[in-house]
């Protein structure tokens, strides 16, 4: 006995669910990388590289360009961090970055 063919709407919804599941997995992996959480901030030498660094990354959900929505300095677990929130220009997905300024001592 043949299986009933899915309707166009059912196929579209299945593709959307698969796409959303993949995007969620990408976000989970990204949170494990440096910069993805306050416990693993991305080390940088100067605050001036934060904006170009975040703009260089594409949206994890749709691959479009992102823009900085918020850039602030916070103390988290007794560490001074730069926290940057970016939003996607297309889908509106938000991502929070964590940076730690490390200065190189001159000899």
PDB file of N, CA and C in Angstrom:
ATOM      1  N   UNK A   1       0.835  -1.171   0.000  1.00  0.00           N
ATOM      2  CA  UNK A   1       0.000   0.000   0.000  1.00  0.00           C
ATOM      3  C   UNK A   1       0.888   1.246   0.000  1.00  0.00           C
ATOM      4  N   UNK A   2       0.604   2.174  -0.873  1.00  0.00           N
ATOM      5  CA  UNK A   2       1.379   3.401  -0.972  1.00  0.00           C
ATOM      6  C   UNK A   2       1.015   4.354   0.159  1.00  0.00           C
ATOM      7  N   UNK A   3       2.047   5.112   0.576  1.00  0.00           N
ATOM      8  CA  UNK A   3       1.791   6.148   1.558  1.00  0.00           C
ATOM      9  C   UNK A   3       1.103   7.319   0.875  1.00  0.00           C
ATOM     10  N   UNK A   4       0.274   7.974   1.636  1.00  0.00           N
ATOM     11  CA  UNK A   4      -0.412   9.146   1.108  1.00  0.00           C
ATOM     12  C   UNK A   4       0.609  10.263   0.914  1.00  0.00           C
ATOM     13  N   UNK A   5       0.565  10.895  -0.231  1.00  0.00           N
ATOM     14  CA  UNK A   5       1.493  11.977  -0.520  1.00  0.00           C
ATOM     15  C   UNK A   5       1.136  13.187   0.340  1.00  0.00           C
ATOM     16  N   UNK A   6       2.178  13.822   0.898  1.00  0.00           N
ATOM     17  CA  UNK A   6       1.957  14.995   1.732  1.00  0.00           C
ATOM     18  C   UNK A   6       1.505  16.166   0.875  1.00  0.00           C
ATOM     19  N   UNK A   7       0.705  16.992   1.475  1.00  0.00           N
ATOM     20  CA  UNK A   7       0.266  18.199   0.772  1.00  0.00           C
ATOM     21  C   UNK A   7       1.436  19.183   0.697  1.00  0.00           C
ATOM     22  N   UNK A   8       1.308  20.158  -0.150  1.00  0.00           N
ATOM     23  CA  UNK A   8       2.361  21.167  -0.299  1.00  0.00           C
ATOM     24  C   UNK A   8       2.588  21.900   1.020  1.00  0.00           C
ATOM     25  N   UNK A   9       1.525  22.172   1.734  1.00  0.00           N
ATOM     26  CA  UNK A   9       1.648  22.858   3.018  1.00  0.00           C
ATOM     27  C   UNK A   9       2.391  21.990   4.029  1.00  0.00           C
ATOM     28  N   UNK A  10       2.077  20.703   4.078  1.00  0.00           N
ATOM     29  CA  UNK A  10       2.744  19.795   5.009  1.00  0.00           C
ATOM     30  C   UNK A  10       4.228  19.684   4.688  1.00  0.00           C
ATOM     31  N   UNK A  11       4.571  19.627   3.416  1.00  0.00           N
ATOM     32  CA  UNK A  11       5.982  19.572   3.027  1.00  0.00           C
ATOM     33  C   UNK A  11       6.702  20.860   3.410  1.00  0.00           C
ATOM     34  N   UNK A  12       6.047  22.001   3.179  1.00  0.00           N
ATOM     35  CA  UNK A  12       6.650  23.285   3.527  1.00  0.00           C
ATOM     36  C   UNK A  12       6.880  23.380   5.029  1.00  0.00           C
ATOM     37  N   UNK A  13       5.910  22.961   5.821  1.00  0.00           N
ATOM     38  CA  UNK A  13       6.050  22.994   7.284  1.00  0.00           C
ATOM     39  C   UNK A  13       7.169  22.074   7.745  1.00  0.00           C
ATOM     40  N   UNK A  14       7.308  20.907   7.123  1.00  0.00           N
ATOM     41  CA  UNK A  14       8.390  19.983   7.480  1.00  0.00           C
ATOM     42  C   UNK A  14       9.747  20.622   7.188  1.00  0.00           C
ATOM     43  N   UNK A  15       9.865  21.305   6.045  1.00  0.00           N
ATOM     44  CA  UNK A  15      11.120  21.998   5.713  1.00  0.00           C
ATOM     45  C   UNK A  15      11.411  23.116   6.712  1.00  0.00           C
ATOM     46  N   UNK A  16      10.374  23.854   7.108  1.00  0.00           N
ATOM     47  CA  UNK A  16      10.546  24.935   8.080  1.00  0.00           C
ATOM     48  C   UNK A  16      11.000  24.395   9.429  1.00  0.00           C
ATOM     49  N   UNK A  17      10.405  23.275   9.859  1.00  0.00           N
ATOM     50  CA  UNK A  17      10.809  22.670  11.136  1.00  0.00           C
ATOM     51  C   UNK A  17      12.254  22.200  11.081  1.00  0.00           C
ATOM     52  N   UNK A  18      12.661  21.602   9.967  1.00  0.00           N
ATOM     53  CA  UNK A  18      14.044  21.142   9.817  1.00  0.00           C
ATOM     54  C   UNK A  18      15.003  22.328   9.823  1.00  0.00           C
ATOM     55  N   UNK A  19      14.621  23.421   9.146  1.00  0.00           N
ATOM     56  CA  UNK A  19      15.461  24.621   9.111  1.00  0.00           C
ATOM     57  C   UNK A  19      15.599  25.221  10.508  1.00  0.00           C
ATOM     58  N   UNK A  20      14.495  25.293  11.259  1.00  0.00           N
ATOM     59  CA  UNK A  20      14.530  25.836  12.612  1.00  0.00           C
ATOM     60  C   UNK A  20      15.371  24.960  13.540  1.00  0.00           C
ATOM     61  N   UNK A  21      15.269  23.658  13.369  1.00  0.00           N
ATOM     62  CA  UNK A  21      16.054  22.730  14.188  1.00  0.00           C
ATOM     63  C   UNK A  21      17.549  22.913  13.917  1.00  0.00           C
ATOM     64  N   UNK A  22      17.920  23.082  12.657  1.00  0.00           N
ATOM     65  CA  UNK A  22      19.315  23.318  12.289  1.00  0.00           C
ATOM     66  C   UNK A  22      19.806  24.650  12.854  1.00  0.00           C
ATOM     67  N   UNK A  23      18.978  25.685  12.783  1.00  0.00           N
ATOM     68  CA  UNK A  23      19.355  26.997  13.319  1.00  0.00           C
ATOM     69  C   UNK A  23      19.546  26.928  14.832  1.00  0.00           C
ATOM     70  N   UNK A  24      18.686  26.201  15.531  1.00  0.00           N
ATOM     71  CA  UNK A  24      18.840  26.032  16.978  1.00  0.00           C
ATOM     72  C   UNK A  24      20.143  25.318  17.305  1.00  0.00           C
ATOM     73  N   UNK A  25      20.491  24.301  16.529  1.00  0.00           N
ATOM     74  CA  UNK A  25      21.745  23.574  16.753  1.00  0.00           C
ATOM     75  C   UNK A  25      22.946  24.488  16.513  1.00  0.00           C
ATOM     76  N   UNK A  26      22.881  25.337  15.482  1.00  0.00           N
ATOM     77  CA  UNK A  26      23.972  26.287  15.220  1.00  0.00           C
ATOM     78  C   UNK A  26      24.152  27.244  16.390  1.00  0.00           C
ATOM     79  N   UNK A  27      23.045  27.736  16.936  1.00  0.00           N
ATOM     80  CA  UNK A  27      23.123  28.656  18.069  1.00  0.00           C
ATOM     81  C   UNK A  27      23.705  27.973  19.305  1.00  0.00           C
ATOM     82  N   UNK A  28      23.333  26.733  19.546  1.00  0.00           N
ATOM     83  CA  UNK A  28      23.889  25.998  20.688  1.00  0.00           C
ATOM     84  C   UNK A  28      25.391  25.811  20.532  1.00  0.00           C
ATOM     85  N   UNK A  29      25.825  25.454  19.332  1.00  0.00           N
ATOM     86  CA  UNK A  29      27.260  25.303  19.086  1.00  0.00           C
ATOM     87  C   UNK A  29      27.989  26.623  19.244  1.00  0.00           C
ATOM     88  N   UNK A  30      27.392  27.701  18.751  1.00  0.00           N
ATOM     89  CA  UNK A  30      28.040  29.000  18.849  1.00  0.00           C
ATOM     90  C   UNK A  30      28.222  29.422  20.303  1.00  0.00           C
ATOM     91  N   UNK A  31      27.258  29.117  21.178  1.00  0.00           N
ATOM     92  CA  UNK A  31      27.379  29.476  22.588  1.00  0.00           C
ATOM     93  C   UNK A  31      28.531  28.752  23.271  1.00  0.00           C
ATOM     94  N   UNK A  32      29.024  27.664  22.683  1.00  0.00           N
ATOM     95  CA  UNK A  32      30.163  26.941  23.244  1.00  0.00           C
ATOM     96  C   UNK A  32      31.499  27.518  22.784  1.00  0.00           C
ATOM     97  N   UNK A  33      31.480  28.340  21.755  1.00  0.00           N
ATOM     98  CA  UNK A  33      32.705  28.937  21.222  1.00  0.00           C
ATOM     99  C   UNK A  33      33.095  30.166  22.044  1.00  0.00           C
ATOM    100  N   UNK A  34      34.363  30.601  21.938  1.00  0.00           N
ATOM    101  CA  UNK A  34      34.766  31.838  22.617  1.00  0.00           C
ATOM    102  C   UNK A  34      33.900  33.008  22.156  1.00  0.00           C
ATOM    103  N   UNK A  35      33.402  33.765  23.132  1.00  0.00           N
ATOM    104  CA  UNK A  35      32.536  34.898  22.836  1.00  0.00           C
ATOM    105  C   UNK A  35      31.063  34.575  22.945  1.00  0.00           C
ATOM    106  N   UNK A  36      30.734  33.301  23.054  1.00  0.00           N
ATOM    107  CA  UNK A  36      29.333  32.899  23.086  1.00  0.00           C
ATOM    108  C   UNK A  36      28.690  32.936  24.456  1.00  0.00           C
ATOM    109  N   UNK A  37      29.508  33.019  25.509  1.00  0.00           N
ATOM    110  CA  UNK A  37      28.950  33.091  26.858  1.00  0.00           C
ATOM    111  C   UNK A  37      29.897  33.890  27.747  1.00  0.00           C
ATOM    112  N   UNK A  38      29.377  34.345  28.874  1.00  0.00           N
ATOM    113  CA  UNK A  38      30.190  35.135  29.800  1.00  0.00           C
ATOM    114  C   UNK A  38      31.314  34.303  30.403  1.00  0.00           C
ATOM    115  N   UNK A  39      31.137  33.000  30.478  1.00  0.00           N
ATOM    116  CA  UNK A  39      32.186  32.142  31.037  1.00  0.00           C
ATOM    117  C   UNK A  39      33.323  31.908  30.043  1.00  0.00           C
ATOM    118  N   UNK A  40      33.072  32.177  28.761  1.00  0.00           N
ATOM    119  CA  UNK A  40      34.101  32.020  27.720  1.00  0.00           C
ATOM    120  C   UNK A  40      34.134  33.263  26.829  1.00  0.00           C
ATOM    121  N   UNK A  41      34.587  34.407  27.374  1.00  0.00           N
ATOM    122  CA  UNK A  41      34.614  35.612  26.544  1.00  0.00           C
ATOM    123  C   UNK A  41      35.721  35.536  25.496  1.00  0.00           C
ATOM    124  N   UNK A  42      35.556  36.303  24.458  1.00  0.00           N
ATOM    125  CA  UNK A  42      36.549  36.398  23.395  1.00  0.00           C
ATOM    126  C   UNK A  42      37.559  37.462  23.808  1.00  0.00           C
ATOM    127  N   UNK A  43      38.834  37.113  23.855  1.00  0.00           N
ATOM    128  CA  UNK A  43      39.875  38.057  24.255  1.00  0.00           C
ATOM    129  C   UNK A  43      40.223  38.983  23.099  1.00  0.00           C
ATOM    130  N   UNK A  44      40.248  40.282  23.384  1.00  0.00           N
ATOM    131  CA  UNK A  44      40.600  41.278  22.378  1.00  0.00           C
ATOM    132  C   UNK A  44      41.565  42.280  22.992  1.00  0.00           C
ATOM    133  N   UNK A  45      42.348  42.948  22.143  1.00  0.00           N
ATOM    134  CA  UNK A  45      43.333  43.909  22.618  1.00  0.00           C
ATOM    135  C   UNK A  45      42.750  45.309  22.768  1.00  0.00           C
ATOM    136  N   UNK A  46      41.720  45.627  22.002  1.00  0.00           N
ATOM    137  CA  UNK A  46      41.163  46.976  22.020  1.00  0.00           C
ATOM    138  C   UNK A  46      39.658  46.917  21.773  1.00  0.00           C
ATOM    139  N   UNK A  47      38.944  47.850  22.392  1.00  0.00           N
ATOM    140  CA  UNK A  47      37.491  47.908  22.200  1.00  0.00           C
ATOM    141  C   UNK A  47      37.124  48.315  20.780  1.00  0.00           C
ATOM    142  N   UNK A  48      38.062  48.903  20.063  1.00  0.00           N
ATOM    143  CA  UNK A  48      37.769  49.361  18.702  1.00  0.00           C
ATOM    144  C   UNK A  48      37.569  48.210  17.716  1.00  0.00           C
ATOM    145  N   UNK A  49      37.978  47.013  18.068  1.00  0.00           N
ATOM    146  CA  UNK A  49      37.807  45.874  17.158  1.00  0.00           C
ATOM    147  C   UNK A  49      36.489  45.133  17.378  1.00  0.00           C
ATOM    148  N   UNK A  50      35.743  45.523  18.390  1.00  0.00           N
ATOM    149  CA  UNK A  50      34.505  44.810  18.714  1.00  0.00           C
ATOM    150  C   UNK A  50      33.465  44.955  17.610  1.00  0.00           C
ATOM    151  N   UNK A  51      33.164  46.183  17.221  1.00  0.00           N
ATOM    152  CA  UNK A  51      32.129  46.411  16.210  1.00  0.00           C
ATOM    153  C   UNK A  51      32.461  45.737  14.877  1.00  0.00           C
ATOM    154  N   UNK A  52      33.672  45.915  14.328  1.00  0.00           N
ATOM    155  CA  UNK A  52      33.981  45.223  13.065  1.00  0.00           C
ATOM    156  C   UNK A  52      33.933  43.701  13.202  1.00  0.00           C
ATOM    157  N   UNK A  53      34.333  43.191  14.358  1.00  0.00           N
ATOM    158  CA  UNK A  53      34.334  41.737  14.585  1.00  0.00           C
ATOM    159  C   UNK A  53      32.916  41.182  14.557  1.00  0.00           C
ATOM    160  N   UNK A  54      31.987  41.868  15.208  1.00  0.00           N
ATOM    161  CA  UNK A  54      30.609  41.371  15.250  1.00  0.00           C
ATOM    162  C   UNK A  54      29.911  41.544  13.904  1.00  0.00           C
ATOM    163  N   UNK A  55      30.209  42.641  13.199  1.00  0.00           N
ATOM    164  CA  UNK A  55      29.583  42.857  11.886  1.00  0.00           C
ATOM    165  C   UNK A  55      30.100  41.881  10.839  1.00  0.00           C
ATOM    166  N   UNK A  56      31.290  41.340  11.039  1.00  0.00           N
ATOM    167  CA  UNK A  56      31.872  40.413  10.065  1.00  0.00           C
ATOM    168  C   UNK A  56      31.180  39.050  10.075  1.00  0.00           C
ATOM    169  N   UNK A  57      30.477  38.740  11.143  1.00  0.00           N
ATOM    170  CA  UNK A  57      29.795  37.453  11.256  1.00  0.00           C
ATOM    171  C   UNK A  57      28.378  37.540  10.698  1.00  0.00           C
ATOM    172  N   UNK A  58      27.958  36.507  10.015  1.00  0.00           N
ATOM    173  CA  UNK A  58      26.601  36.450   9.457  1.00  0.00           C
ATOM    174  C   UNK A  58      25.627  35.901  10.499  1.00  0.00           C
ATOM    175  N   UNK A  59      24.363  36.121  10.263  1.00  0.00           N
ATOM    176  CA  UNK A  59      23.304  35.604  11.128  1.00  0.00           C
ATOM    177  C   UNK A  59      23.346  34.073  11.116  1.00  0.00           C
ATOM    178  N   UNK A  60      23.206  33.475  12.291  1.00  0.00           N
ATOM    179  CA  UNK A  60      23.219  32.016  12.385  1.00  0.00           C
ATOM    180  C   UNK A  60      21.940  31.395  11.838  1.00  0.00           C
ATOM    181  N   UNK A  61      20.861  32.138  11.818  1.00  0.00           N
ATOM    182  CA  UNK A  61      19.578  31.605  11.369  1.00  0.00           C
ATOM    183  C   UNK A  61      19.394  31.686   9.867  1.00  0.00           C
ATOM    184  N   UNK A  62      19.738  32.855   9.263  1.00  0.00           N
ATOM    185  CA  UNK A  62      19.441  33.022   7.834  1.00  0.00           C
ATOM    186  C   UNK A  62      20.665  33.376   6.990  1.00  0.00           C
ATOM    187  N   UNK A  63      21.798  33.694   7.615  1.00  0.00           N
ATOM    188  CA  UNK A  63      23.009  34.000   6.864  1.00  0.00           C
ATOM    189  C   UNK A  63      23.129  35.441   6.402  1.00  0.00           C
ATOM    190  N   UNK A  64      22.193  36.302   6.785  1.00  0.00           N
ATOM    191  CA  UNK A  64      22.224  37.708   6.374  1.00  0.00           C
ATOM    192  C   UNK A  64      23.169  38.515   7.270  1.00  0.00           C
ATOM    193  N   UNK A  65      23.361  39.766   6.916  1.00  0.00           N
ATOM    194  CA  UNK A  65      24.225  40.663   7.686  1.00  0.00           C
ATOM    195  C   UNK A  65      23.563  41.019   9.018  1.00  0.00           C
ATOM    196  N   UNK A  66      24.399  41.294  10.017  1.00  0.00           N
ATOM    197  CA  UNK A  66      23.903  41.693  11.332  1.00  0.00           C
ATOM    198  C   UNK A  66      24.374  43.109  11.639  1.00  0.00           C
ATOM    199  N   UNK A  67      23.704  43.739  12.594  1.00  0.00           N
ATOM    200  CA  UNK A  67      24.113  45.074  13.036  1.00  0.00           C
ATOM    201  C   UNK A  67      24.108  45.102  14.562  1.00  0.00           C
ATOM    202  N   UNK A  68      24.944  45.955  15.124  1.00  0.00           N
ATOM    203  CA  UNK A  68      25.019  46.083  16.573  1.00  0.00           C
ATOM    204  C   UNK A  68      23.808  46.833  17.087  1.00  0.00           C
ATOM    205  N   UNK A  69      23.145  46.248  18.057  1.00  0.00           N
ATOM    206  CA  UNK A  69      21.983  46.886  18.658  1.00  0.00           C
ATOM    207  C   UNK A  69      22.351  47.526  19.990  1.00  0.00           C
ATOM    208  N   UNK A  70      23.325  46.936  20.694  1.00  0.00           N
ATOM    209  CA  UNK A  70      23.689  47.419  22.021  1.00  0.00           C
ATOM    210  C   UNK A  70      25.134  47.032  22.309  1.00  0.00           C
ATOM    211  N   UNK A  71      25.883  47.949  22.924  1.00  0.00           N
ATOM    212  CA  UNK A  71      27.275  47.700  23.295  1.00  0.00           C
ATOM    213  C   UNK A  71      27.473  48.326  24.671  1.00  0.00           C
ATOM    214  N   UNK A  72      27.762  47.490  25.670  1.00  0.00           N
ATOM    215  CA  UNK A  72      27.894  47.994  27.029  1.00  0.00           C
ATOM    216  C   UNK A  72      29.003  47.253  27.768  1.00  0.00           C
ATOM    217  N   UNK A  73      29.474  47.853  28.846  1.00  0.00           N
ATOM    218  CA  UNK A  73      30.463  47.221  29.713  1.00  0.00           C
ATOM    219  C   UNK A  73      29.738  46.739  30.964  1.00  0.00           C
ATOM    220  N   UNK A  74      29.955  45.484  31.325  1.00  0.00           N
ATOM    221  CA  UNK A  74      29.304  44.902  32.499  1.00  0.00           C
ATOM    222  C   UNK A  74      30.319  44.138  33.331  1.00  0.00           C
ATOM    223  N   UNK A  75      30.021  44.003  34.612  1.00  0.00           N
ATOM    224  CA  UNK A  75      30.810  43.154  35.489  1.00  0.00           C
ATOM    225  C   UNK A  75      30.007  41.882  35.717  1.00  0.00           C
ATOM    226  N   UNK A  76      30.558  40.767  35.259  1.00  0.00           N
ATOM    227  CA  UNK A  76      29.898  39.474  35.387  1.00  0.00           C
ATOM    228  C   UNK A  76      30.872  38.530  36.080  1.00  0.00           C
ATOM    229  N   UNK A  77      30.456  37.965  37.192  1.00  0.00           N
ATOM    230  CA  UNK A  77      31.315  37.078  37.989  1.00  0.00           C
ATOM    231  C   UNK A  77      32.651  37.741  38.302  1.00  0.00           C
ATOM    232  N   UNK A  78      32.581  38.992  38.717  1.00  0.00           N
ATOM    233  CA  UNK A  78      33.748  39.786  39.115  1.00  0.00           C
ATOM    234  C   UNK A  78      34.753  40.004  37.987  1.00  0.00           C
ATOM    235  N   UNK A  79      34.298  39.880  36.750  1.00  0.00           N
ATOM    236  CA  UNK A  79      35.151  40.165  35.590  1.00  0.00           C
ATOM    237  C   UNK A  79      34.488  41.258  34.773  1.00  0.00           C
ATOM    238  N   UNK A  80      35.299  42.198  34.321  1.00  0.00           N
ATOM    239  CA  UNK A  80      34.784  43.291  33.499  1.00  0.00           C
ATOM    240  C   UNK A  80      34.745  42.827  32.050  1.00  0.00           C
ATOM    241  N   UNK A  81      33.547  42.775  31.472  1.00  0.00           N
ATOM    242  CA  UNK A  81      33.365  42.300  30.105  1.00  0.00           C
ATOM    243  C   UNK A  81      32.635  43.336  29.270  1.00  0.00           C
ATOM    244  N   UNK A  82      32.879  43.289  27.973  1.00  0.00           N
ATOM    245  CA  UNK A  82      32.098  44.058  27.014  1.00  0.00           C
ATOM    246  C   UNK A  82      31.027  43.119  26.481  1.00  0.00           C
ATOM    247  N   UNK A  83      29.788  43.546  26.530  1.00  0.00           N
ATOM    248  CA  UNK A  83      28.663  42.735  26.073  1.00  0.00           C
ATOM    249  C   UNK A  83      28.030  43.455  24.883  1.00  0.00           C
ATOM    250  N   UNK A  84      27.964  42.761  23.759  1.00  0.00           N
ATOM    251  CA  UNK A  84      27.421  43.342  22.536  1.00  0.00           C
ATOM    252  C   UNK A  84      26.257  42.475  22.067  1.00  0.00           C
ATOM    253  N   UNK A  85      25.135  43.119  21.791  1.00  0.00           N
ATOM    254  CA  UNK A  85      23.981  42.423  21.236  1.00  0.00           C
ATOM    255  C   UNK A  85      23.844  42.828  19.781  1.00  0.00           C
ATOM    256  N   UNK A  86      23.784  41.826  18.906  1.00  0.00           N
ATOM    257  CA  UNK A  86      23.590  42.091  17.483  1.00  0.00           C
ATOM    258  C   UNK A  86      22.232  41.549  17.065  1.00  0.00           C
ATOM    259  N   UNK A  87      21.661  42.181  16.043  1.00  0.00           N
ATOM    260  CA  UNK A  87      20.400  41.699  15.487  1.00  0.00           C
ATOM    261  C   UNK A  87      20.544  41.554  13.985  1.00  0.00           C
ATOM    262  N   UNK A  88      19.855  40.581  13.452  1.00  0.00           N
ATOM    263  CA  UNK A  88      19.878  40.327  12.017  1.00  0.00           C
ATOM    264  C   UNK A  88      19.014  41.364  11.303  1.00  0.00           C
ATOM    265  N   UNK A  89      19.515  41.852  10.177  1.00  0.00           N
ATOM    266  CA  UNK A  89      18.775  42.849   9.402  1.00  0.00           C
ATOM    267  C   UNK A  89      17.570  42.236   8.691  1.00  0.00           C
ATOM    268  N   UNK A  90      17.573  40.912   8.498  1.00  0.00           N
ATOM    269  CA  UNK A  90      16.491  40.261   7.753  1.00  0.00           C
ATOM    270  C   UNK A  90      15.483  39.584   8.678  1.00  0.00           C
ATOM    271  N   UNK A  91      15.959  38.644   9.510  1.00  0.00           N
ATOM    272  CA  UNK A  91      15.018  37.862  10.326  1.00  0.00           C
ATOM    273  C   UNK A  91      14.852  38.407  11.741  1.00  0.00           C
ATOM    274  N   UNK A  92      15.721  39.332  12.168  1.00  0.00           N
ATOM    275  CA  UNK A  92      15.597  39.934  13.487  1.00  0.00           C
ATOM    276  C   UNK A  92      16.149  39.102  14.627  1.00  0.00           C
ATOM    277  N   UNK A  93      16.826  37.999  14.333  1.00  0.00           N
ATOM    278  CA  UNK A  93      17.392  37.150  15.384  1.00  0.00           C
ATOM    279  C   UNK A  93      18.473  37.917  16.146  1.00  0.00           C
ATOM    280  N   UNK A  94      18.461  37.799  17.456  1.00  0.00           N
ATOM    281  CA  UNK A  94      19.438  38.487  18.302  1.00  0.00           C
ATOM    282  C   UNK A  94      20.511  37.510  18.758  1.00  0.00           C
ATOM    283  N   UNK A  95      21.723  38.041  18.904  1.00  0.00           N
ATOM    284  CA  UNK A  95      22.837  37.236  19.407  1.00  0.00           C
ATOM    285  C   UNK A  95      23.643  38.110  20.355  1.00  0.00           C
ATOM    286  N   UNK A  96      24.057  37.558  21.489  1.00  0.00           N
ATOM    287  CA  UNK A  96      24.835  38.299  22.469  1.00  0.00           C
ATOM    288  C   UNK A  96      26.271  37.794  22.460  1.00  0.00           C
ATOM    289  N   UNK A  97      27.199  38.735  22.343  1.00  0.00           N
ATOM    290  CA  UNK A  97      28.634  38.454  22.325  1.00  0.00           C
ATOM    291  C   UNK A  97      29.248  38.915  23.639  1.00  0.00           C
ATOM    292  N   UNK A  98      30.294  38.211  24.086  1.00  0.00           N
ATOM    293  CA  UNK A  98      31.021  38.583  25.292  1.00  0.00           C
ATOM    294  C   UNK A  98      32.496  38.727  24.948  1.00  0.00           C
ATOM    295  N   UNK A  99      33.071  39.885  25.304  1.00  0.00           N
ATOM    296  CA  UNK A  99      34.471  40.173  25.028  1.00  0.00           C
ATOM    297  C   UNK A  99      35.177  40.550  26.319  1.00  0.00           C
ATOM    298  N   UNK A 100      36.460  40.211  26.395  1.00  0.00           N
ATOM    299  CA  UNK A 100      37.297  40.622  27.522  1.00  0.00           C
ATOM    300  C   UNK A 100      38.487  41.376  26.955  1.00  0.00           C
ATOM    301  N   UNK A 101      38.700  42.589  27.449  1.00  0.00           N
ATOM    302  CA  UNK A 101      39.848  43.372  27.019  1.00  0.00           C
ATOM    303  C   UNK A 101      41.091  42.863  27.739  1.00  0.00           C
ATOM    304  N   UNK A 102      42.085  42.498  26.976  1.00  0.00           N
ATOM    305  CA  UNK A 102      43.363  42.071  27.551  1.00  0.00           C
ATOM    306  C   UNK A 102      44.430  43.000  26.998  1.00  0.00           C
ATOM    307  N   UNK A 103      45.137  43.639  27.892  1.00  0.00           N
ATOM    308  CA  UNK A 103      46.179  44.560  27.439  1.00  0.00           C
ATOM    309  C   UNK A 103      47.521  43.852  27.498  1.00  0.00           C
ATOM    310  N   UNK A 104      48.291  44.077  26.467  1.00  0.00           N
ATOM    311  CA  UNK A 104      49.633  43.513  26.442  1.00  0.00           C
ATOM    312  C   UNK A 104      50.564  44.495  27.129  1.00  0.00           C
ATOM    313  N   UNK A 105      51.287  44.013  28.104  1.00  0.00           N
ATOM    314  CA  UNK A 105      52.206  44.878  28.832  1.00  0.00           C
ATOM    315  C   UNK A 105      53.446  45.136  27.996  1.00  0.00           C
ATOM    316  N   UNK A 106      53.860  46.388  27.986  1.00  0.00           N
ATOM    317  CA  UNK A 106      55.055  46.738  27.224  1.00  0.00           C
ATOM    318  C   UNK A 106      56.290  46.412  28.051  1.00  0.00           C
ATOM    319  N   UNK A 107      57.308  45.897  27.407  1.00  0.00           N
ATOM    320  CA  UNK A 107      58.538  45.522  28.112  1.00  0.00           C
ATOM    321  C   UNK A 107      59.461  46.696  28.247  1.00  0.00           C
TER     322      UNK A 107
END
